[in-house]
N, C-alpha and C. Protein backbone atom coordinates (compact mmCIF):
# COMPACT_ATOMS: atom_id res chain seq x y z
N MET A 1 -72.60 224.84 62.51
CA MET A 1 -72.26 224.08 61.54
C MET A 1 -72.26 222.65 62.06
N THR A 2 -72.67 221.81 61.06
CA THR A 2 -72.73 220.30 61.42
C THR A 2 -71.38 219.73 61.48
N ASN A 3 -71.21 218.95 62.42
CA ASN A 3 -69.87 218.35 62.36
C ASN A 3 -69.82 216.92 61.54
N ILE A 4 -68.59 216.53 61.09
CA ILE A 4 -68.43 215.39 60.11
C ILE A 4 -69.18 214.15 60.64
N LYS A 5 -69.30 214.00 61.97
CA LYS A 5 -69.71 212.67 62.62
C LYS A 5 -71.19 212.44 62.31
N ASN A 6 -71.89 213.85 62.41
CA ASN A 6 -73.39 213.96 62.39
C ASN A 6 -73.65 213.69 60.85
N LEU A 7 -72.79 214.17 59.97
CA LEU A 7 -73.06 214.20 58.47
C LEU A 7 -73.01 212.70 58.05
N HIS A 8 -71.89 211.87 58.63
CA HIS A 8 -71.75 210.40 58.30
C HIS A 8 -73.06 209.78 58.70
N LYS A 9 -73.38 210.08 59.85
CA LYS A 9 -74.63 209.34 60.51
C LYS A 9 -75.90 209.72 59.72
N LYS A 10 -76.03 210.74 59.27
CA LYS A 10 -77.12 211.15 58.23
C LYS A 10 -76.85 210.27 56.99
N ALA A 11 -75.91 210.19 56.46
CA ALA A 11 -75.50 209.45 55.23
C ALA A 11 -75.85 207.95 55.49
N ARG A 12 -75.58 207.40 56.61
CA ARG A 12 -75.70 205.93 56.76
C ARG A 12 -77.20 205.91 56.73
N LEU A 13 -78.03 206.61 57.52
CA LEU A 13 -79.41 206.48 57.63
C LEU A 13 -80.02 206.46 56.36
N LEU A 14 -79.59 207.61 55.48
CA LEU A 14 -80.39 207.65 54.30
C LEU A 14 -79.91 206.43 53.49
N LYS A 15 -78.81 205.74 53.28
CA LYS A 15 -78.34 204.69 52.80
C LYS A 15 -79.43 203.46 53.16
N LYS A 16 -79.66 203.46 54.49
CA LYS A 16 -80.61 202.35 54.94
C LYS A 16 -81.92 202.58 54.54
N GLU A 17 -82.46 203.85 54.55
CA GLU A 17 -83.64 204.24 53.82
C GLU A 17 -83.87 203.81 52.49
N ILE A 18 -82.75 204.12 51.64
CA ILE A 18 -82.73 203.71 50.26
C ILE A 18 -82.75 202.39 49.96
N GLU A 19 -82.18 201.48 50.72
CA GLU A 19 -82.18 200.15 50.56
C GLU A 19 -83.44 199.48 50.92
N GLN A 20 -84.13 200.04 52.01
CA GLN A 20 -85.35 199.59 52.18
C GLN A 20 -86.46 199.77 51.30
N TYR A 21 -86.26 201.00 50.62
CA TYR A 21 -87.04 201.45 49.40
C TYR A 21 -87.06 200.46 48.40
N GLN A 22 -85.77 200.22 47.97
CA GLN A 22 -85.50 199.49 46.98
C GLN A 22 -85.76 197.99 47.14
N LEU A 23 -85.89 197.67 48.37
CA LEU A 23 -86.22 196.07 48.62
C LEU A 23 -87.73 196.04 48.60
N ASN A 24 -88.51 197.13 48.67
CA ASN A 24 -89.96 196.96 48.81
C ASN A 24 -90.47 197.35 47.15
N CYS A 25 -89.63 197.84 46.26
CA CYS A 25 -90.03 198.05 44.94
C CYS A 25 -90.11 196.82 44.11
N ASN A 26 -90.98 196.98 43.32
CA ASN A 26 -91.41 195.66 42.49
C ASN A 26 -90.50 195.71 41.03
N HIS A 27 -89.87 196.77 40.81
CA HIS A 27 -88.93 197.05 39.63
C HIS A 27 -89.66 196.69 38.29
N LYS A 28 -90.75 197.25 38.19
CA LYS A 28 -91.57 196.89 36.94
C LYS A 28 -91.01 197.56 35.84
N ASN A 29 -90.52 198.69 35.75
CA ASN A 29 -89.90 199.30 34.54
C ASN A 29 -88.45 199.61 34.66
N SER A 30 -87.64 199.15 33.74
CA SER A 30 -86.23 199.48 33.78
C SER A 30 -85.61 200.19 32.65
N LEU A 31 -84.56 200.91 32.86
CA LEU A 31 -83.95 201.51 31.74
C LEU A 31 -82.56 201.59 31.86
N ILE A 32 -81.84 201.94 30.69
CA ILE A 32 -80.41 201.80 30.60
C ILE A 32 -79.83 202.93 31.22
N LYS A 33 -78.78 203.21 32.01
CA LYS A 33 -78.31 204.22 32.56
C LYS A 33 -76.76 204.18 32.57
N THR A 34 -75.98 205.31 32.51
CA THR A 34 -74.59 205.39 32.72
C THR A 34 -74.49 205.70 33.96
N LEU A 35 -73.79 204.80 35.07
CA LEU A 35 -73.57 205.10 36.48
C LEU A 35 -72.47 206.09 36.61
N GLU A 36 -72.29 206.70 37.74
CA GLU A 36 -71.39 207.72 38.20
C GLU A 36 -69.87 207.30 37.72
N ASN A 37 -69.61 205.98 37.76
CA ASN A 37 -68.38 205.48 37.55
C ASN A 37 -68.02 205.16 36.07
N GLY A 38 -69.15 205.52 35.21
CA GLY A 38 -68.99 205.26 33.74
C GLY A 38 -69.46 203.90 33.23
N ASP A 39 -69.90 203.04 34.18
CA ASP A 39 -70.44 201.78 33.68
C ASP A 39 -71.88 201.98 33.20
N ILE A 40 -72.23 201.10 32.19
CA ILE A 40 -73.55 201.22 31.75
C ILE A 40 -74.28 200.06 32.39
N ARG A 41 -75.62 200.32 32.96
CA ARG A 41 -76.22 199.13 33.58
C ARG A 41 -77.76 199.37 33.33
N LYS A 42 -78.56 198.26 33.63
CA LYS A 42 -79.92 198.28 33.59
C LYS A 42 -80.28 198.49 35.08
N VAL A 43 -81.14 199.72 35.26
CA VAL A 43 -81.58 200.20 36.60
C VAL A 43 -83.18 200.26 36.53
N CYS A 44 -83.83 200.20 37.71
CA CYS A 44 -85.08 200.30 37.97
C CYS A 44 -85.57 201.91 37.75
N ASP A 45 -86.61 202.03 37.08
CA ASP A 45 -86.90 203.37 36.59
C ASP A 45 -87.51 204.10 37.98
N ASN A 46 -87.90 203.28 38.95
CA ASN A 46 -88.63 203.86 39.97
C ASN A 46 -87.73 204.07 41.15
N CYS A 47 -86.85 203.09 41.57
CA CYS A 47 -86.00 203.11 42.66
C CYS A 47 -84.54 203.38 42.32
N GLU A 48 -84.02 203.28 41.09
CA GLU A 48 -82.73 203.35 40.64
C GLU A 48 -81.77 202.22 41.15
N LYS A 49 -82.36 201.10 41.55
CA LYS A 49 -81.45 199.99 41.90
C LYS A 49 -80.96 199.39 40.64
N VAL A 50 -79.62 198.96 40.70
CA VAL A 50 -78.85 198.33 39.57
C VAL A 50 -79.52 196.96 39.61
N LEU A 51 -80.06 196.62 38.24
CA LEU A 51 -80.73 195.39 38.13
C LEU A 51 -79.69 194.42 37.41
N GLY A 52 -78.71 194.82 36.74
CA GLY A 52 -77.78 194.10 35.96
C GLY A 52 -77.29 194.69 34.80
N TYR A 53 -76.82 193.93 33.84
CA TYR A 53 -76.22 194.39 32.59
C TYR A 53 -77.26 194.25 31.43
N PRO A 54 -77.27 195.25 30.64
CA PRO A 54 -78.25 195.28 29.49
C PRO A 54 -77.98 194.39 28.40
N SER A 55 -78.88 193.55 27.87
CA SER A 55 -78.44 192.68 26.71
C SER A 55 -77.82 193.21 25.47
N LYS A 56 -77.22 192.63 24.81
CA LYS A 56 -76.62 193.13 23.50
C LYS A 56 -77.66 194.19 22.64
N SER A 57 -78.83 193.76 22.39
CA SER A 57 -80.05 194.50 21.86
C SER A 57 -80.20 195.68 22.47
N GLU A 58 -80.41 195.56 23.92
CA GLU A 58 -80.99 196.65 24.63
C GLU A 58 -79.81 197.83 24.58
N LEU A 59 -78.69 197.19 24.53
CA LEU A 59 -77.46 198.29 24.52
C LEU A 59 -77.39 198.88 23.24
N ASP A 60 -77.64 198.06 22.27
CA ASP A 60 -77.45 198.79 20.91
C ASP A 60 -78.62 199.77 20.71
N ASP A 61 -79.89 199.35 21.20
CA ASP A 61 -81.07 200.33 21.13
C ASP A 61 -80.70 201.67 21.76
N TRP A 62 -80.18 201.54 22.85
CA TRP A 62 -79.84 202.62 23.84
C TRP A 62 -78.62 203.49 23.27
N LEU A 63 -77.66 202.84 22.52
CA LEU A 63 -76.57 203.71 21.89
C LEU A 63 -77.02 204.17 20.69
N SER A 64 -78.00 203.82 20.07
CA SER A 64 -78.54 204.20 18.68
C SER A 64 -79.52 205.70 18.96
N ARG A 65 -79.61 205.95 20.34
CA ARG A 65 -80.60 207.05 20.65
C ARG A 65 -79.78 208.35 20.51
């Protein structure tokens, strides 16, 4: 069984890999998404980086679906 220190190390390495992937992404397509904490944000469709808050019209369109 893997000990907790190894799991934390793997998690840190994966977070760094995700950050690097997101830095290299051009964020061409975005979508509106509910995050784990319940907040609604605009995120990149490719790398899932949070890009900001949706505009009122984007939010209205998203809510009407």
